[in-house]
All heavy atoms as atom14 arrays in JSON, in Angstrom:
{
  "sequence": "CIEVAKTTGGAYVRDTKDRPRGAAAVAPRPWGEFLTAVKT",
  "atom14_mask": [
    [1, 1, 1, 1, 1, 1, 0, 0, 0, 0, 0, 0, 0, 0],
    [1, 1, 1, 1, 1, 1, 1, 1, 0, 0, 0, 0, 0, 0],
    [1, 1, 1, 1, 1, 1, 1, 1, 1, 0, 0, 0, 0, 0],
    [1, 1, 1, 1, 1, 1, 1, 0, 0, 0, 0, 0, 0, 0],
    [1, 1, 1, 1, 1, 0, 0, 0, 0, 0, 0, 0, 0, 0],
    [1, 1, 1, 1, 1, 1, 1, 1, 1, 0, 0, 0, 0, 0],
    [1, 1, 1, 1, 1, 1, 1, 0, 0, 0, 0, 0, 0, 0],
    [1, 1, 1, 1, 1, 1, 1, 0, 0, 0, 0, 0, 0, 0],
    [1, 1, 1, 1, 0, 0, 0, 0, 0, 0, 0, 0, 0, 0],
    [1, 1, 1, 1, 0, 0, 0, 0, 0, 0, 0, 0, 0, 0],
    [1, 1, 1, 1, 1, 0, 0, 0, 0, 0, 0, 0, 0, 0],
    [1, 1, 1, 1, 1, 1, 1, 1, 1, 1, 1, 1, 0, 0],
    [1, 1, 1, 1, 1, 1, 1, 0, 0, 0, 0, 0, 0, 0],
    [1, 1, 1, 1, 1, 1, 1, 1, 1, 1, 1, 0, 0, 0],
    [1, 1, 1, 1, 1, 1, 1, 1, 0, 0, 0, 0, 0, 0],
    [1, 1, 1, 1, 1, 1, 1, 0, 0, 0, 0, 0, 0, 0],
    [1, 1, 1, 1, 1, 1, 1, 1, 1, 0, 0, 0, 0, 0],
    [1, 1, 1, 1, 1, 1, 1, 1, 0, 0, 0, 0, 0, 0],
    [1, 1, 1, 1, 1, 1, 1, 1, 1, 1, 1, 0, 0, 0],
    [1, 1, 1, 1, 1, 1, 1, 0, 0, 0, 0, 0, 0, 0],
    [1, 1, 1, 1, 1, 1, 1, 1, 1, 1, 1, 0, 0, 0],
    [1, 1, 1, 1, 0, 0, 0, 0, 0, 0, 0, 0, 0, 0],
    [1, 1, 1, 1, 1, 0, 0, 0, 0, 0, 0, 0, 0, 0],
    [1, 1, 1, 1, 1, 0, 0, 0, 0, 0, 0, 0, 0, 0],
    [1, 1, 1, 1, 1, 0, 0, 0, 0, 0, 0, 0, 0, 0],
    [1, 1, 1, 1, 1, 1, 1, 0, 0, 0, 0, 0, 0, 0],
    [1, 1, 1, 1, 1, 0, 0, 0, 0, 0, 0, 0, 0, 0],
    [1, 1, 1, 1, 1, 1, 1, 0, 0, 0, 0, 0, 0, 0],
    [1, 1, 1, 1, 1, 1, 1, 1, 1, 1, 1, 0, 0, 0],
    [1, 1, 1, 1, 1, 1, 1, 0, 0, 0, 0, 0, 0, 0],
    [1, 1, 1, 1, 1, 1, 1, 1, 1, 1, 1, 1, 1, 1],
    [1, 1, 1, 1, 0, 0, 0, 0, 0, 0, 0, 0, 0, 0],
    [1, 1, 1, 1, 1, 1, 1, 1, 1, 0, 0, 0, 0, 0],
    [1, 1, 1, 1, 1, 1, 1, 1, 1, 1, 1, 0, 0, 0],
    [1, 1, 1, 1, 1, 1, 1, 1, 0, 0, 0, 0, 0, 0],
    [1, 1, 1, 1, 1, 1, 1, 0, 0, 0, 0, 0, 0, 0],
    [1, 1, 1, 1, 1, 0, 0, 0, 0, 0, 0, 0, 0, 0],
    [1, 1, 1, 1, 1, 1, 1, 0, 0, 0, 0, 0, 0, 0],
    [1, 1, 1, 1, 1, 1, 1, 1, 1, 0, 0, 0, 0, 0],
    [1, 1, 1, 1, 1, 1, 1, 0, 0, 0, 0, 0, 0, 0]
  ],
  "atom14_positions": [
    [[-97.7, -182.77, 84.27], [-97.26, -181.48, 84.74], [-96.78, -180.67, 83.52], [-96.84, -181.12, 82.4], [-96.1, -181.65, 85.73], [-94.69, -182.54, 85.11], [0.0, 0.0, 0.0], [0.0, 0.0, 0.0], [0.0, 0.0, 0.0], [0.0, 0.0, 0.0], [0.0, 0.0, 0.0], [0.0, 0.0, 0.0], [0.0, 0.0, 0.0], [0.0, 0.0, 0.0]],
    [[-96.37, -179.47, 83.79], [-95.87, -178.61, 82.75], [-94.39, -178.28, 83.05], [-93.89, -178.46, 84.13], [-96.7, -177.31, 82.66], [-96.59, -176.5, 83.95], [-98.12, -177.6, 82.25], [-97.09, -175.09, 83.84], [0.0, 0.0, 0.0], [0.0, 0.0, 0.0], [0.0, 0.0, 0.0], [0.0, 0.0, 0.0], [0.0, 0.0, 0.0], [0.0, 0.0, 0.0]],
    [[-93.76, -177.79, 82.01], [-92.41, -177.26, 82.13], [-92.44, -175.77, 81.8], [-93.24, -175.36, 80.94], [-91.42, -177.99, 81.16], [-91.24, -179.42, 81.52], [-90.38, -180.13, 80.5], [-90.57, -179.91, 79.27], [-89.52, -180.93, 80.92], [0.0, 0.0, 0.0], [0.0, 0.0, 0.0], [0.0, 0.0, 0.0], [0.0, 0.0, 0.0], [0.0, 0.0, 0.0]],
    [[-91.57, -175.0, 82.42], [-91.53, -173.55, 82.2], [-90.1, -173.18, 81.87], [-89.13, -173.65, 82.5], [-91.98, -172.81, 83.47], [-91.82, -171.32, 83.32], [-93.43, -173.15, 83.81], [0.0, 0.0, 0.0], [0.0, 0.0, 0.0], [0.0, 0.0, 0.0], [0.0, 0.0, 0.0], [0.0, 0.0, 0.0], [0.0, 0.0, 0.0], [0.0, 0.0, 0.0]],
    [[-89.96, -172.31, 80.9], [-88.67, -171.72, 80.57], [-88.85, -170.18, 80.71], [-89.61, -169.57, 79.95], [-88.26, -172.07, 79.16], [0.0, 0.0, 0.0], [0.0, 0.0, 0.0], [0.0, 0.0, 0.0], [0.0, 0.0, 0.0], [0.0, 0.0, 0.0], [0.0, 0.0, 0.0], [0.0, 0.0, 0.0], [0.0, 0.0, 0.0], [0.0, 0.0, 0.0]],
    [[-88.17, -169.6, 81.68], [-88.28, -168.14, 81.87], [-87.35, -167.43, 80.9], [-86.26, -167.88, 80.61], [-87.92, -167.78, 83.33], [-88.89, -168.35, 84.34], [-88.52, -167.95, 85.72], [-87.48, -168.89, 86.27], [-87.14, -168.68, 87.65], [0.0, 0.0, 0.0], [0.0, 0.0, 0.0], [0.0, 0.0, 0.0], [0.0, 0.0, 0.0], [0.0, 0.0, 0.0]],
    [[-87.83, -166.28, 80.41], [-87.03, -165.46, 79.48], [-87.18, -164.01, 79.91], [-88.01, -163.68, 80.79], [-87.52, -165.59, 78.04], [-88.81, -165.02, 77.9], [-87.57, -167.04, 77.61], [0.0, 0.0, 0.0], [0.0, 0.0, 0.0], [0.0, 0.0, 0.0], [0.0, 0.0, 0.0], [0.0, 0.0, 0.0], [0.0, 0.0, 0.0], [0.0, 0.0, 0.0]],
    [[-86.41, -163.16, 79.3], [-86.55, -161.72, 79.59], [-87.92, -161.19, 79.09], [-88.37, -160.18, 79.59], [-85.45, -160.9, 78.94], [-85.39, -161.16, 77.55], [-84.1, -161.26, 79.55], [0.0, 0.0, 0.0], [0.0, 0.0, 0.0], [0.0, 0.0, 0.0], [0.0, 0.0, 0.0], [0.0, 0.0, 0.0], [0.0, 0.0, 0.0], [0.0, 0.0, 0.0]],
    [[-88.5, -161.88, 78.18], [-89.79, -161.5, 77.65], [-90.98, -162.27, 78.22], [-92.03, -162.39, 77.57], [0.0, 0.0, 0.0], [0.0, 0.0, 0.0], [0.0, 0.0, 0.0], [0.0, 0.0, 0.0], [0.0, 0.0, 0.0], [0.0, 0.0, 0.0], [0.0, 0.0, 0.0], [0.0, 0.0, 0.0], [0.0, 0.0, 0.0], [0.0, 0.0, 0.0]],
    [[-90.83, -162.8, 79.41], [-91.91, -163.54, 80.06], [-91.51, -165.01, 80.3], [-90.51, -165.28, 80.95], [0.0, 0.0, 0.0], [0.0, 0.0, 0.0], [0.0, 0.0, 0.0], [0.0, 0.0, 0.0], [0.0, 0.0, 0.0], [0.0, 0.0, 0.0], [0.0, 0.0, 0.0], [0.0, 0.0, 0.0], [0.0, 0.0, 0.0], [0.0, 0.0, 0.0]],
    [[-92.29, -165.92, 79.69], [-92.0, -167.33, 79.9], [-92.64, -168.14, 78.75], [-93.54, -167.69, 78.08], [-92.57, -167.81, 81.22], [0.0, 0.0, 0.0], [0.0, 0.0, 0.0], [0.0, 0.0, 0.0], [0.0, 0.0, 0.0], [0.0, 0.0, 0.0], [0.0, 0.0, 0.0], [0.0, 0.0, 0.0], [0.0, 0.0, 0.0], [0.0, 0.0, 0.0]],
    [[-92.12, -169.35, 78.6], [-92.75, -170.33, 77.71], [-93.19, -171.49, 78.59], [-92.54, -171.84, 79.56], [-91.71, -170.86, 76.7], [-91.38, -169.87, 75.61], [-90.33, -168.96, 75.79], [-92.07, -169.83, 74.43], [-90.01, -168.04, 74.8], [-91.79, -168.91, 73.46], [-90.75, -168.03, 73.63], [-90.43, -167.14, 72.65], [0.0, 0.0, 0.0], [0.0, 0.0, 0.0]],
    [[-94.33, -172.06, 78.26], [-94.92, -173.15, 78.98], [-95.24, -174.26, 78.04], [-95.79, -174.05, 76.94], [-96.2, -172.69, 79.71], [-96.78, -173.81, 80.55], [-95.96, -171.46, 80.58], [0.0, 0.0, 0.0], [0.0, 0.0, 0.0], [0.0, 0.0, 0.0], [0.0, 0.0, 0.0], [0.0, 0.0, 0.0], [0.0, 0.0, 0.0], [0.0, 0.0, 0.0]],
    [[-94.91, -175.51, 78.43], [-95.24, -176.66, 77.58], [-95.66, -177.85, 78.43], [-95.32, -177.97, 79.6], [-94.09, -177.05, 76.68], [-92.9, -177.64, 77.4], [-91.77, -177.91, 76.44], [-90.6, -178.48, 77.11], [-89.43, -178.75, 76.54], [-89.3, -178.52, 75.24], [-88.47, -179.24, 77.23], [0.0, 0.0, 0.0], [0.0, 0.0, 0.0], [0.0, 0.0, 0.0]],
    [[-96.37, -178.75, 77.82], [-96.85, -179.97, 78.44], [-95.78, -181.05, 78.39], [-95.24, -181.31, 77.28], [-98.11, -180.46, 77.69], [-98.78, -181.66, 78.32], [-98.2, -182.3, 79.22], [-99.91, -181.95, 77.94], [0.0, 0.0, 0.0], [0.0, 0.0, 0.0], [0.0, 0.0, 0.0], [0.0, 0.0, 0.0], [0.0, 0.0, 0.0], [0.0, 0.0, 0.0]],
    [[-95.43, -181.63, 79.51], [-94.37, -182.64, 79.54], [-94.76, -183.91, 78.77], [-93.9, -184.66, 78.31], [-93.98, -183.08, 80.97], [-95.14, -183.53, 81.64], [-93.4, -181.9, 81.74], [0.0, 0.0, 0.0], [0.0, 0.0, 0.0], [0.0, 0.0, 0.0], [0.0, 0.0, 0.0], [0.0, 0.0, 0.0], [0.0, 0.0, 0.0], [0.0, 0.0, 0.0]],
    [[-96.05, -184.16, 78.6], [-96.51, -185.35, 77.87], [-96.53, -185.12, 76.36], [-96.66, -186.08, 75.6], [-97.94, -185.75, 78.3], [-98.01, -186.26, 79.74], [-99.42, -186.71, 80.06], [-100.3, -185.5, 80.24], [-101.63, -185.79, 80.68], [0.0, 0.0, 0.0], [0.0, 0.0, 0.0], [0.0, 0.0, 0.0], [0.0, 0.0, 0.0], [0.0, 0.0, 0.0]],
    [[-96.39, -183.86, 75.91], [-96.47, -183.57, 74.48], [-95.49, -182.48, 74.08], [-95.85, -181.48, 73.49], [-97.91, -183.17, 74.17], [-98.22, -183.26, 72.67], [-97.35, -183.72, 71.9], [-99.29, -182.81, 72.29], [0.0, 0.0, 0.0], [0.0, 0.0, 0.0], [0.0, 0.0, 0.0], [0.0, 0.0, 0.0], [0.0, 0.0, 0.0], [0.0, 0.0, 0.0]],
    [[-94.23, -182.66, 74.42], [-93.2, -181.66, 74.14], [-93.09, -181.31, 72.65], [-92.93, -180.15, 72.3], [-91.86, -182.15, 74.65], [-91.78, -182.1, 76.16], [-90.38, -182.55, 76.64], [-90.38, -182.57, 78.1], [-90.16, -183.66, 78.8], [-89.94, -184.81, 78.2], [-90.12, -183.6, 80.11], [0.0, 0.0, 0.0], [0.0, 0.0, 0.0], [0.0, 0.0, 0.0]],
    [[-93.2, -182.29, 71.74], [-93.1, -181.93, 70.33], [-94.14, -180.95, 69.83], [-93.99, -180.29, 68.8], [-93.25, -183.28, 69.61], [-92.84, -184.28, 70.6], [-93.3, -183.73, 71.93], [0.0, 0.0, 0.0], [0.0, 0.0, 0.0], [0.0, 0.0, 0.0], [0.0, 0.0, 0.0], [0.0, 0.0, 0.0], [0.0, 0.0, 0.0], [0.0, 0.0, 0.0]],
    [[-95.24, -180.84, 70.52], [-96.32, -179.94, 70.13], [-95.91, -178.47, 70.23], [-96.51, -177.59, 69.6], [-97.56, -180.22, 70.97], [-98.74, -179.47, 70.48], [-99.95, -179.91, 71.2], [-101.14, -179.4, 70.51], [-102.34, -179.83, 70.68], [-102.54, -180.82, 71.53], [-103.33, -179.33, 70.02], [0.0, 0.0, 0.0], [0.0, 0.0, 0.0], [0.0, 0.0, 0.0]],
    [[-94.89, -178.18, 71.04], [-94.42, -176.82, 71.12], [-94.77, -176.2, 72.48], [-95.19, -176.9, 73.4], [0.0, 0.0, 0.0], [0.0, 0.0, 0.0], [0.0, 0.0, 0.0], [0.0, 0.0, 0.0], [0.0, 0.0, 0.0], [0.0, 0.0, 0.0], [0.0, 0.0, 0.0], [0.0, 0.0, 0.0], [0.0, 0.0, 0.0], [0.0, 0.0, 0.0]],
    [[-94.55, -174.92, 72.58], [-94.75, -174.22, 73.83], [-95.61, -172.97, 73.6], [-95.62, -172.4, 72.5], [-93.41, -173.82, 74.43], [0.0, 0.0, 0.0], [0.0, 0.0, 0.0], [0.0, 0.0, 0.0], [0.0, 0.0, 0.0], [0.0, 0.0, 0.0], [0.0, 0.0, 0.0], [0.0, 0.0, 0.0], [0.0, 0.0, 0.0], [0.0, 0.0, 0.0]],
    [[-96.3, -172.55, 74.65], [-97.07, -171.31, 74.6], [-96.22, -170.21, 75.21], [-95.64, -170.35, 76.32], [-98.35, -171.49, 75.4], [0.0, 0.0, 0.0], [0.0, 0.0, 0.0], [0.0, 0.0, 0.0], [0.0, 0.0, 0.0], [0.0, 0.0, 0.0], [0.0, 0.0, 0.0], [0.0, 0.0, 0.0], [0.0, 0.0, 0.0], [0.0, 0.0, 0.0]],
    [[-96.17, -169.07, 74.56], [-95.44, -167.92, 75.08], [-96.37, -167.1, 75.95], [-97.54, -166.87, 75.58], [-94.92, -167.06, 73.92], [0.0, 0.0, 0.0], [0.0, 0.0, 0.0], [0.0, 0.0, 0.0], [0.0, 0.0, 0.0], [0.0, 0.0, 0.0], [0.0, 0.0, 0.0], [0.0, 0.0, 0.0], [0.0, 0.0, 0.0], [0.0, 0.0, 0.0]],
    [[-95.88, -166.63, 77.1], [-96.67, -165.82, 78.01], [-95.85, -164.55, 78.29], [-94.7, -164.61, 78.67], [-96.94, -166.55, 79.36], [-97.85, -165.73, 80.23], [-97.54, -167.93, 79.1], [0.0, 0.0, 0.0], [0.0, 0.0, 0.0], [0.0, 0.0, 0.0], [0.0, 0.0, 0.0], [0.0, 0.0, 0.0], [0.0, 0.0, 0.0], [0.0, 0.0, 0.0]],
    [[-96.5, -163.4, 78.04], [-95.85, -162.11, 78.24], [-95.55, -161.85, 79.71], [-96.16, -162.48, 80.6], [-96.74, -161.01, 77.68], [0.0, 0.0, 0.0], [0.0, 0.0, 0.0], [0.0, 0.0, 0.0], [0.0, 0.0, 0.0], [0.0, 0.0, 0.0], [0.0, 0.0, 0.0], [0.0, 0.0, 0.0], [0.0, 0.0, 0.0], [0.0, 0.0, 0.0]],
    [[-94.6, -160.96, 80.0], [-94.18, -160.75, 81.4], [-95.3, -160.4, 82.38], [-95.38, -160.96, 83.45], [-93.2, -159.57, 81.3], [-92.7, -159.62, 79.9], [-93.83, -160.15, 79.09], [0.0, 0.0, 0.0], [0.0, 0.0, 0.0], [0.0, 0.0, 0.0], [0.0, 0.0, 0.0], [0.0, 0.0, 0.0], [0.0, 0.0, 0.0], [0.0, 0.0, 0.0]],
    [[-96.16, -159.47, 82.01], [-97.23, -159.06, 82.96], [-98.19, -160.2, 83.32], [-98.41, -160.46, 84.49], [-97.99, -157.84, 82.43], [-98.97, -157.32, 83.44], [-99.58, -156.04, 82.99], [-100.58, -155.6, 83.96], [-101.2, -154.48, 83.87], [-100.98, -153.64, 82.84], [-102.09, -154.13, 84.79], [0.0, 0.0, 0.0], [0.0, 0.0, 0.0], [0.0, 0.0, 0.0]],
    [[-98.8, -160.87, 82.33], [-99.69, -161.95, 82.74], [-98.95, -163.11, 83.44], [-99.51, -163.75, 84.34], [-100.3, -162.47, 81.41], [-99.72, -161.66, 80.32], [-98.84, -160.61, 80.92], [0.0, 0.0, 0.0], [0.0, 0.0, 0.0], [0.0, 0.0, 0.0], [0.0, 0.0, 0.0], [0.0, 0.0, 0.0], [0.0, 0.0, 0.0], [0.0, 0.0, 0.0]],
    [[-97.7, -163.34, 83.08], [-96.93, -164.38, 83.81], [-96.74, -164.0, 85.27], [-96.92, -164.8, 86.17], [-95.57, -164.6, 83.09], [-94.8, -165.7, 83.75], [-93.63, -165.55, 84.44], [-95.11, -167.07, 83.84], [-93.2, -166.78, 84.93], [-94.13, -167.73, 84.56], [-96.2, -167.85, 83.35], [-94.15, -169.09, 84.81], [-96.2, -169.2, 83.62], [-95.18, -169.83, 84.33]],
    [[-96.4, -162.74, 85.5], [-96.21, -162.27, 86.86], [-97.54, -162.33, 87.64], [-97.56, -162.72, 88.82], [0.0, 0.0, 0.0], [0.0, 0.0, 0.0], [0.0, 0.0, 0.0], [0.0, 0.0, 0.0], [0.0, 0.0, 0.0], [0.0, 0.0, 0.0], [0.0, 0.0, 0.0], [0.0, 0.0, 0.0], [0.0, 0.0, 0.0], [0.0, 0.0, 0.0]],
    [[-98.63, -161.99, 87.0], [-99.94, -162.03, 87.67], [-100.32, -163.49, 88.0], [-100.88, -163.76, 89.06], [-101.01, -161.39, 86.77], [-100.82, -159.87, 86.66], [-101.73, -159.27, 85.61], [-102.37, -160.0, 84.81], [-101.77, -158.04, 85.56], [0.0, 0.0, 0.0], [0.0, 0.0, 0.0], [0.0, 0.0, 0.0], [0.0, 0.0, 0.0], [0.0, 0.0, 0.0]],
    [[-100.01, -164.42, 87.09], [-100.26, -165.8, 87.33], [-99.45, -166.32, 88.54], [-99.99, -166.95, 89.43], [-99.93, -166.65, 86.1], [-99.95, -168.11, 86.33], [-101.17, -168.8, 86.48], [-98.77, -168.85, 86.41], [-101.16, -170.17, 86.71], [-98.78, -170.21, 86.65], [-99.99, -170.87, 86.8], [0.0, 0.0, 0.0], [0.0, 0.0, 0.0], [0.0, 0.0, 0.0]],
    [[-98.18, -165.96, 88.57], [-97.3, -166.42, 89.69], [-97.82, -165.87, 91.01], [-97.83, -166.56, 92.03], [-95.87, -166.01, 89.42], [-95.17, -166.72, 88.31], [-93.73, -166.2, 88.13], [-95.17, -168.23, 88.48], [0.0, 0.0, 0.0], [0.0, 0.0, 0.0], [0.0, 0.0, 0.0], [0.0, 0.0, 0.0], [0.0, 0.0, 0.0], [0.0, 0.0, 0.0]],
    [[-98.24, -164.61, 91.0], [-98.76, -164.0, 92.21], [-100.0, -164.71, 92.69], [-100.18, -165.01, 93.86], [-99.06, -162.49, 91.99], [-97.84, -161.83, 91.68], [-99.66, -161.85, 93.23], [0.0, 0.0, 0.0], [0.0, 0.0, 0.0], [0.0, 0.0, 0.0], [0.0, 0.0, 0.0], [0.0, 0.0, 0.0], [0.0, 0.0, 0.0], [0.0, 0.0, 0.0]],
    [[-100.89, -165.04, 91.73], [-102.11, -165.75, 92.12], [-101.82, -167.14, 92.7], [-102.44, -167.55, 93.64], [-103.02, -165.9, 90.87], [0.0, 0.0, 0.0], [0.0, 0.0, 0.0], [0.0, 0.0, 0.0], [0.0, 0.0, 0.0], [0.0, 0.0, 0.0], [0.0, 0.0, 0.0], [0.0, 0.0, 0.0], [0.0, 0.0, 0.0], [0.0, 0.0, 0.0]],
    [[-100.83, -167.82, 92.11], [-100.48, -169.12, 92.64], [-99.89, -169.0, 94.05], [-100.27, -169.74, 94.96], [-99.41, -169.8, 91.71], [-98.84, -171.06, 92.36], [-100.07, -170.18, 90.36], [0.0, 0.0, 0.0], [0.0, 0.0, 0.0], [0.0, 0.0, 0.0], [0.0, 0.0, 0.0], [0.0, 0.0, 0.0], [0.0, 0.0, 0.0], [0.0, 0.0, 0.0]],
    [[-99.0, -168.05, 94.24], [-98.36, -167.87, 95.54], [-99.28, -167.43, 96.64], [-99.08, -167.73, 97.8], [-97.18, -166.89, 95.41], [-96.06, -167.43, 94.56], [-94.99, -166.36, 94.37], [-93.91, -166.87, 93.46], [-92.87, -165.82, 93.2], [0.0, 0.0, 0.0], [0.0, 0.0, 0.0], [0.0, 0.0, 0.0], [0.0, 0.0, 0.0], [0.0, 0.0, 0.0]],
    [[-100.32, -166.68, 96.29], [-101.25, -166.13, 97.28], [-102.53, -166.96, 97.43], [-103.44, -166.55, 98.17], [-101.6, -164.69, 96.96], [-102.25, -164.65, 95.72], [-100.38, -163.78, 96.97], [0.0, 0.0, 0.0], [0.0, 0.0, 0.0], [0.0, 0.0, 0.0], [0.0, 0.0, 0.0], [0.0, 0.0, 0.0], [0.0, 0.0, 0.0], [0.0, 0.0, 0.0]]
  ]
}
């Protein structure tokens, strides 16, 4: 699975199996679009 950290500037996403590798930053608009797609 993944872990998510929400911020005022969007979110960070990382792999739970490889936390030391770091996280990917996602800007607010694409993050919101992704969440909408998941929910719908």
